[in-house]
Amino acid sequence: MPNDAENRLTIRTPEGITFTTVLAGPVVRFLAWLIDAGVVGVLAYLTSAIAGALGVFLEDVGAAFSIASLFAISFGYAITFEWFWRGQTLGKRMMRLRVADELGLELRFDQIVVRNLLRIVDRLPVFYLVGGIACLATRHNQRLGDMAANTVVIRTPPIVEPSVDDITGGKFNSFRGYPHLEARLRQNLSAEEAAIALEALVRRDEFEPGARVVLFRDLAEHFRGAASFPDDATLGLTDEQYVRNVVDSVYASREPASRRQSA
């Protein structure tokens, strides 16, 4: 994949979390468009064949079908895939790109429609020349459709699964002395709840100090309701340490308690 000069978008949420994403440049976006254009071309060829067959018997019907189907494919392909694939078409997925809201909010259907309808202007006079110039001239690499819809196209690098061992750092887990309570904890927590705790620990350094304290306080309070450990397992634990113990108990491989406690 070509390396466009990296242009980053930084989004700061009210909770004190800062997201930094790498924006896609015009070169890699053009390559994604070429892939999508190939898909659209194949679909257009198939519909033209169908229209031709209809035209043998009903010339007007065949012509109308051809015009309607070409319009639907030209705009419907990108709109449909970007909506159901959360901002990706086949070309974007292959090039690891994604359409996102400029402010980091959830991408809305009307934004997808607007950015794709304005392709009519962006692709003038040929090969998205207007859109390419706009990408080079704007701060966030936006074509006209992106500016109108308040969207950006970002890179989506491969997701690396976080290692629980890296997060817990081999630290002593006082919950290990109570395997029956650990089992109750795992039984009462959903996969989504455990994933939230893991994500909070992975990204803890991205929070402002105040937001970090509040987040782990609320998480620890929630997990205390899932399984009640005795005082000797929780005495002196900070809220963040409590959540770390929960993550270790839920995700870590089952090792002998004596080995885990000796760490």
Protein backbone atom coordinates (compact mmCIF):
# COMPACT_ATOMS: atom_id res chain seq x y z
CA MET A 1 0.00 0.00 0.00
CA PRO A 2 1.42 3.38 -0.87
CA ASN A 3 2.42 5.56 2.01
CA ASP A 4 0.73 8.94 1.67
CA ALA A 5 2.22 11.62 3.86
CA GLU A 6 0.52 10.92 7.18
CA ASN A 7 -2.12 13.44 8.18
CA ARG A 8 -3.65 12.78 11.57
CA LEU A 9 -7.04 13.70 12.99
CA THR A 10 -7.23 14.19 16.76
CA ILE A 11 -10.64 13.97 18.47
CA ARG A 12 -11.13 14.85 22.11
CA THR A 13 -14.28 13.57 23.83
CA PRO A 14 -16.07 15.28 26.79
CA GLU A 15 -14.89 12.35 28.97
CA GLY A 16 -11.27 13.41 28.50
CA ILE A 17 -10.35 10.69 26.00
CA THR A 18 -8.24 11.63 23.01
CA PHE A 19 -8.42 9.63 19.79
CA THR A 20 -5.82 10.01 17.08
CA THR A 21 -6.46 8.44 13.70
CA VAL A 22 -4.47 8.48 10.48
CA LEU A 23 -6.35 10.04 7.58
CA ALA A 24 -6.26 8.37 4.18
CA GLY A 25 -4.59 10.38 1.44
CA PRO A 26 -5.77 10.78 -2.16
CA VAL A 27 -3.51 8.05 -3.58
CA VAL A 28 -4.75 5.18 -1.43
CA ARG A 29 -8.32 6.44 -1.77
CA PHE A 30 -7.97 6.40 -5.55
CA LEU A 31 -6.74 2.80 -5.43
CA ALA A 32 -9.78 1.84 -3.33
CA TRP A 33 -12.00 3.59 -5.87
CA LEU A 34 -10.40 1.62 -8.73
CA ILE A 35 -11.35 -1.63 -6.99
CA ASP A 36 -14.90 -0.41 -6.43
CA ALA A 37 -15.08 0.82 -10.02
CA GLY A 38 -14.19 -2.69 -11.18
CA VAL A 39 -17.00 -4.16 -9.08
CA VAL A 40 -19.47 -1.56 -10.36
CA GLY A 41 -18.32 -2.28 -13.93
CA VAL A 42 -19.04 -6.00 -13.57
CA LEU A 43 -22.47 -5.30 -12.08
CA ALA A 44 -23.22 -2.80 -14.85
CA TYR A 45 -22.22 -5.35 -17.49
CA LEU A 46 -24.57 -7.93 -16.01
CA THR A 47 -27.49 -5.51 -15.84
CA SER A 48 -26.78 -4.35 -19.40
CA ALA A 49 -27.00 -7.95 -20.55
CA ILE A 50 -30.33 -8.31 -18.78
CA ALA A 51 -31.54 -5.02 -20.30
CA GLY A 52 -30.48 -6.23 -23.72
CA ALA A 53 -32.45 -9.42 -23.29
CA LEU A 54 -35.51 -7.45 -22.23
CA GLY A 55 -35.06 -5.08 -25.15
CA VAL A 56 -35.46 -7.91 -27.62
CA PHE A 57 -39.08 -8.25 -26.55
CA LEU A 58 -39.86 -4.87 -24.97
CA GLU A 59 -37.54 -2.17 -26.24
CA ASP A 60 -38.84 0.62 -23.97
CA VAL A 61 -38.78 -1.60 -20.91
CA GLY A 62 -35.23 -2.67 -21.65
CA ALA A 63 -34.06 0.92 -22.06
CA ALA A 64 -35.78 2.04 -18.87
CA PHE A 65 -34.35 -0.90 -16.95
CA SER A 66 -30.86 -0.13 -18.23
CA ILE A 67 -31.00 3.54 -17.16
CA ALA A 68 -32.53 2.81 -13.75
CA SER A 69 -30.18 -0.06 -12.97
CA LEU A 70 -27.05 1.90 -13.94
CA PHE A 71 -28.11 4.79 -11.70
CA ALA A 72 -28.91 2.42 -8.83
CA ILE A 73 -25.58 0.61 -9.15
CA SER A 74 -23.53 3.79 -9.49
CA PHE A 75 -24.82 5.26 -6.24
CA GLY A 76 -26.50 2.35 -4.49
CA TYR A 77 -23.35 0.20 -4.38
CA ALA A 78 -21.35 2.63 -2.23
CA ILE A 79 -24.32 3.72 -0.11
CA THR A 80 -25.39 0.15 0.64
CA PHE A 81 -21.94 -1.16 1.50
CA GLU A 82 -20.89 1.89 3.53
CA TRP A 83 -24.06 1.59 5.60
CA PHE A 84 -24.02 -2.15 6.26
CA TRP A 85 -20.20 -2.41 6.48
CA ARG A 86 -19.94 0.64 8.75
CA GLY A 87 -18.18 2.98 6.37
CA GLN A 88 -16.51 0.46 4.08
CA THR A 89 -16.96 -0.70 0.50
CA LEU A 90 -15.11 -3.67 -0.92
CA GLY A 91 -12.34 -1.38 -2.15
CA LYS A 92 -12.03 0.41 1.18
CA ARG A 93 -11.98 -2.87 3.06
CA MET A 94 -9.20 -4.24 0.86
CA MET A 95 -7.17 -1.03 1.30
CA ARG A 96 -8.00 -0.87 5.04
CA LEU A 97 -9.93 2.38 4.86
CA ARG A 98 -13.17 3.46 6.51
CA VAL A 99 -15.52 6.44 6.31
CA ALA A 100 -16.00 8.07 9.72
CA ASP A 101 -17.77 11.06 11.20
CA GLU A 102 -15.46 14.08 11.40
CA LEU A 103 -16.17 14.51 15.13
CA GLY A 104 -15.88 10.83 16.01
CA LEU A 105 -19.65 10.36 16.34
CA GLU A 106 -21.59 7.43 14.94
CA LEU A 107 -21.77 7.57 11.15
CA ARG A 108 -25.33 8.36 10.06
CA PHE A 109 -27.15 7.14 6.98
CA ASP A 110 -27.83 10.66 5.70
CA GLN A 111 -24.07 11.40 5.81
CA ILE A 112 -23.41 8.35 3.65
CA VAL A 113 -26.08 9.41 1.16
CA VAL A 114 -24.81 13.00 0.90
CA ARG A 115 -21.14 12.08 0.42
CA ASN A 116 -22.02 9.59 -2.31
CA LEU A 117 -24.49 11.76 -4.20
CA LEU A 118 -21.84 14.47 -4.44
CA ARG A 119 -19.57 12.06 -6.28
CA ILE A 120 -21.21 13.56 -9.38
CA VAL A 121 -19.22 16.73 -8.73
CA ASP A 122 -16.10 15.17 -7.21
CA ARG A 123 -15.40 12.95 -10.19
CA LEU A 124 -15.44 15.83 -12.70
CA PRO A 125 -14.02 16.16 -15.27
CA VAL A 126 -12.48 12.66 -15.16
CA PHE A 127 -11.01 10.27 -12.58
CA TYR A 128 -12.11 12.31 -9.56
CA LEU A 129 -9.91 15.25 -10.48
CA VAL A 130 -12.05 17.73 -8.52
CA GLY A 131 -12.21 15.40 -5.53
CA GLY A 132 -8.47 14.74 -5.67
CA ILE A 133 -7.64 18.45 -5.72
CA ALA A 134 -10.00 18.98 -2.78
CA CYS A 135 -8.25 16.20 -0.82
CA LEU A 136 -4.88 17.82 -1.39
CA ALA A 137 -6.14 21.30 -0.52
CA THR A 138 -8.10 20.49 2.66
CA ARG A 139 -6.67 19.91 6.10
CA HIS A 140 -8.39 16.57 6.64
CA ASN A 141 -8.01 15.15 3.12
CA GLN A 142 -11.70 15.65 2.35
CA ARG A 143 -13.31 15.69 -1.06
CA LEU A 144 -16.36 17.89 -1.57
CA GLY A 145 -18.73 15.09 -0.59
CA ASP A 146 -16.86 14.61 2.70
CA MET A 147 -17.00 18.32 3.50
CA ALA A 148 -20.74 18.45 2.86
CA ALA A 149 -21.39 15.33 4.95
CA ASN A 150 -18.85 16.13 7.71
CA THR A 151 -17.03 12.87 7.11
CA VAL A 152 -13.42 11.79 6.76
CA VAL A 153 -11.77 8.65 5.41
CA ILE A 154 -9.37 7.03 7.85
CA ARG A 155 -6.93 4.16 7.78
CA THR A 156 -7.88 1.05 9.76
CA PRO A 157 -4.69 -0.82 10.70
CA PRO A 158 -4.94 -4.50 11.65
CA ILE A 159 -6.30 -4.93 15.17
CA VAL A 160 -3.82 -6.51 17.54
CA GLU A 161 -5.53 -8.47 20.30
CA PRO A 162 -4.33 -7.11 23.65
CA SER A 163 -2.44 -9.52 25.85
CA VAL A 164 -3.90 -9.95 29.32
CA ASP A 165 -0.44 -10.90 30.61
CA ASP A 166 0.90 -7.57 29.37
CA ILE A 167 -1.91 -5.71 31.11
CA THR A 168 -1.75 -7.51 34.45
CA GLY A 169 2.05 -7.53 34.31
CA GLY A 170 2.27 -10.75 36.33
CA LYS A 171 0.97 -8.89 39.37
CA PHE A 172 -0.47 -10.77 42.33
CA ASN A 173 -4.21 -11.35 42.03
CA SER A 174 -5.83 -11.74 45.43
CA PHE A 175 -8.96 -13.15 43.80
CA ARG A 176 -7.10 -16.33 42.89
CA GLY A 177 -7.50 -17.65 46.39
CA TYR A 178 -11.26 -17.89 45.82
CA PRO A 179 -11.81 -19.98 42.67
CA HIS A 180 -15.51 -20.47 43.40
CA LEU A 181 -16.00 -16.68 43.49
CA GLU A 182 -13.97 -16.29 40.31
CA ALA A 183 -16.27 -18.82 38.67
CA ARG A 184 -19.29 -16.84 39.86
CA LEU A 185 -17.70 -13.66 38.48
CA ARG A 186 -17.21 -15.25 35.06
CA GLN A 187 -20.76 -16.60 35.12
CA ASN A 188 -22.35 -13.26 35.99
CA LEU A 189 -20.37 -11.09 33.56
CA SER A 190 -21.26 -10.86 29.89
CA ALA A 191 -18.60 -10.87 27.19
CA GLU A 192 -19.38 -7.20 26.52
CA GLU A 193 -18.82 -6.22 30.18
CA ALA A 194 -15.50 -8.04 30.30
CA ALA A 195 -14.43 -6.45 27.01
CA ILE A 196 -15.20 -2.96 28.39
CA ALA A 197 -12.99 -3.62 31.42
CA LEU A 198 -10.18 -4.90 29.23
CA GLU A 199 -10.44 -1.91 26.89
CA ALA A 200 -10.39 0.49 29.84
CA LEU A 201 -7.13 -1.03 31.09
CA VAL A 202 -5.57 -1.03 27.64
CA ARG A 203 -6.34 2.66 27.16
CA ARG A 204 -5.99 3.87 30.75
CA ASP A 205 -3.10 6.20 29.92
CA GLU A 206 -5.28 8.05 27.39
CA PHE A 207 -7.66 9.31 30.08
CA GLU A 208 -7.29 12.53 31.98
CA PRO A 209 -6.54 11.78 35.66
CA GLY A 210 -10.01 12.84 36.83
CA ALA A 211 -11.82 10.87 34.13
CA ARG A 212 -9.63 7.84 34.83
CA VAL A 213 -10.54 7.83 38.53
CA VAL A 214 -14.26 8.14 37.81
CA LEU A 215 -14.21 5.43 35.13
CA PHE A 216 -12.47 2.81 37.26
CA ARG A 217 -14.58 3.73 40.30
CA ASP A 218 -17.76 3.03 38.33
CA LEU A 219 -16.36 -0.16 36.80
CA ALA A 220 -15.19 -1.51 40.15
CA GLU A 221 -18.57 -0.75 41.73
CA HIS A 222 -20.32 -2.59 38.91
CA PHE A 223 -18.08 -5.66 39.21
CA ARG A 224 -18.48 -5.80 42.99
CA GLY A 225 -22.14 -6.53 42.34
CA ALA A 226 -21.24 -9.50 40.12
CA ALA A 227 -19.32 -11.38 42.84
CA SER A 228 -18.63 -10.36 46.43
CA PHE A 229 -15.07 -11.17 47.48
CA PRO A 230 -14.16 -11.15 51.20
CA ASP A 231 -12.30 -8.26 52.77
CA ASP A 232 -8.94 -10.03 52.84
CA ALA A 233 -9.05 -10.25 49.01
CA THR A 234 -10.00 -6.61 48.47
CA LEU A 235 -8.38 -4.76 51.37
CA GLY A 236 -6.08 -2.01 50.11
CA LEU A 237 -7.03 -2.44 46.44
CA THR A 238 -7.59 0.70 44.41
CA ASP A 239 -10.51 0.67 42.01
CA GLU A 240 -8.14 0.24 39.07
CA GLN A 241 -6.41 -2.70 40.78
CA TYR A 242 -9.83 -4.23 41.44
CA VAL A 243 -10.71 -4.02 37.74
CA ARG A 244 -7.32 -5.45 36.82
CA ASN A 245 -7.97 -8.44 39.10
CA VAL A 246 -11.36 -8.92 37.45
CA VAL A 247 -9.81 -8.92 33.97
CA ASP A 248 -7.10 -11.33 35.07
CA SER A 249 -9.66 -13.69 36.60
CA VAL A 250 -11.95 -13.59 33.56
CA TYR A 251 -9.42 -13.73 30.72
CA ALA A 252 -6.23 -15.35 32.00
CA SER A 253 -5.56 -19.01 31.29
CA ARG A 254 -6.23 -21.36 34.16
CA GLU A 255 -2.98 -21.92 36.00
CA PRO A 256 -2.51 -23.46 39.44
CA ALA A 257 -3.38 -20.94 42.13
CA SER A 258 -0.06 -21.49 43.91
CA ARG A 259 1.84 -20.58 40.73
CA ARG A 260 -0.24 -17.47 40.13
CA GLN A 261 0.10 -16.26 43.72
CA SER A 262 3.85 -16.81 43.76
CA ALA A 263 4.26 -14.35 40.90
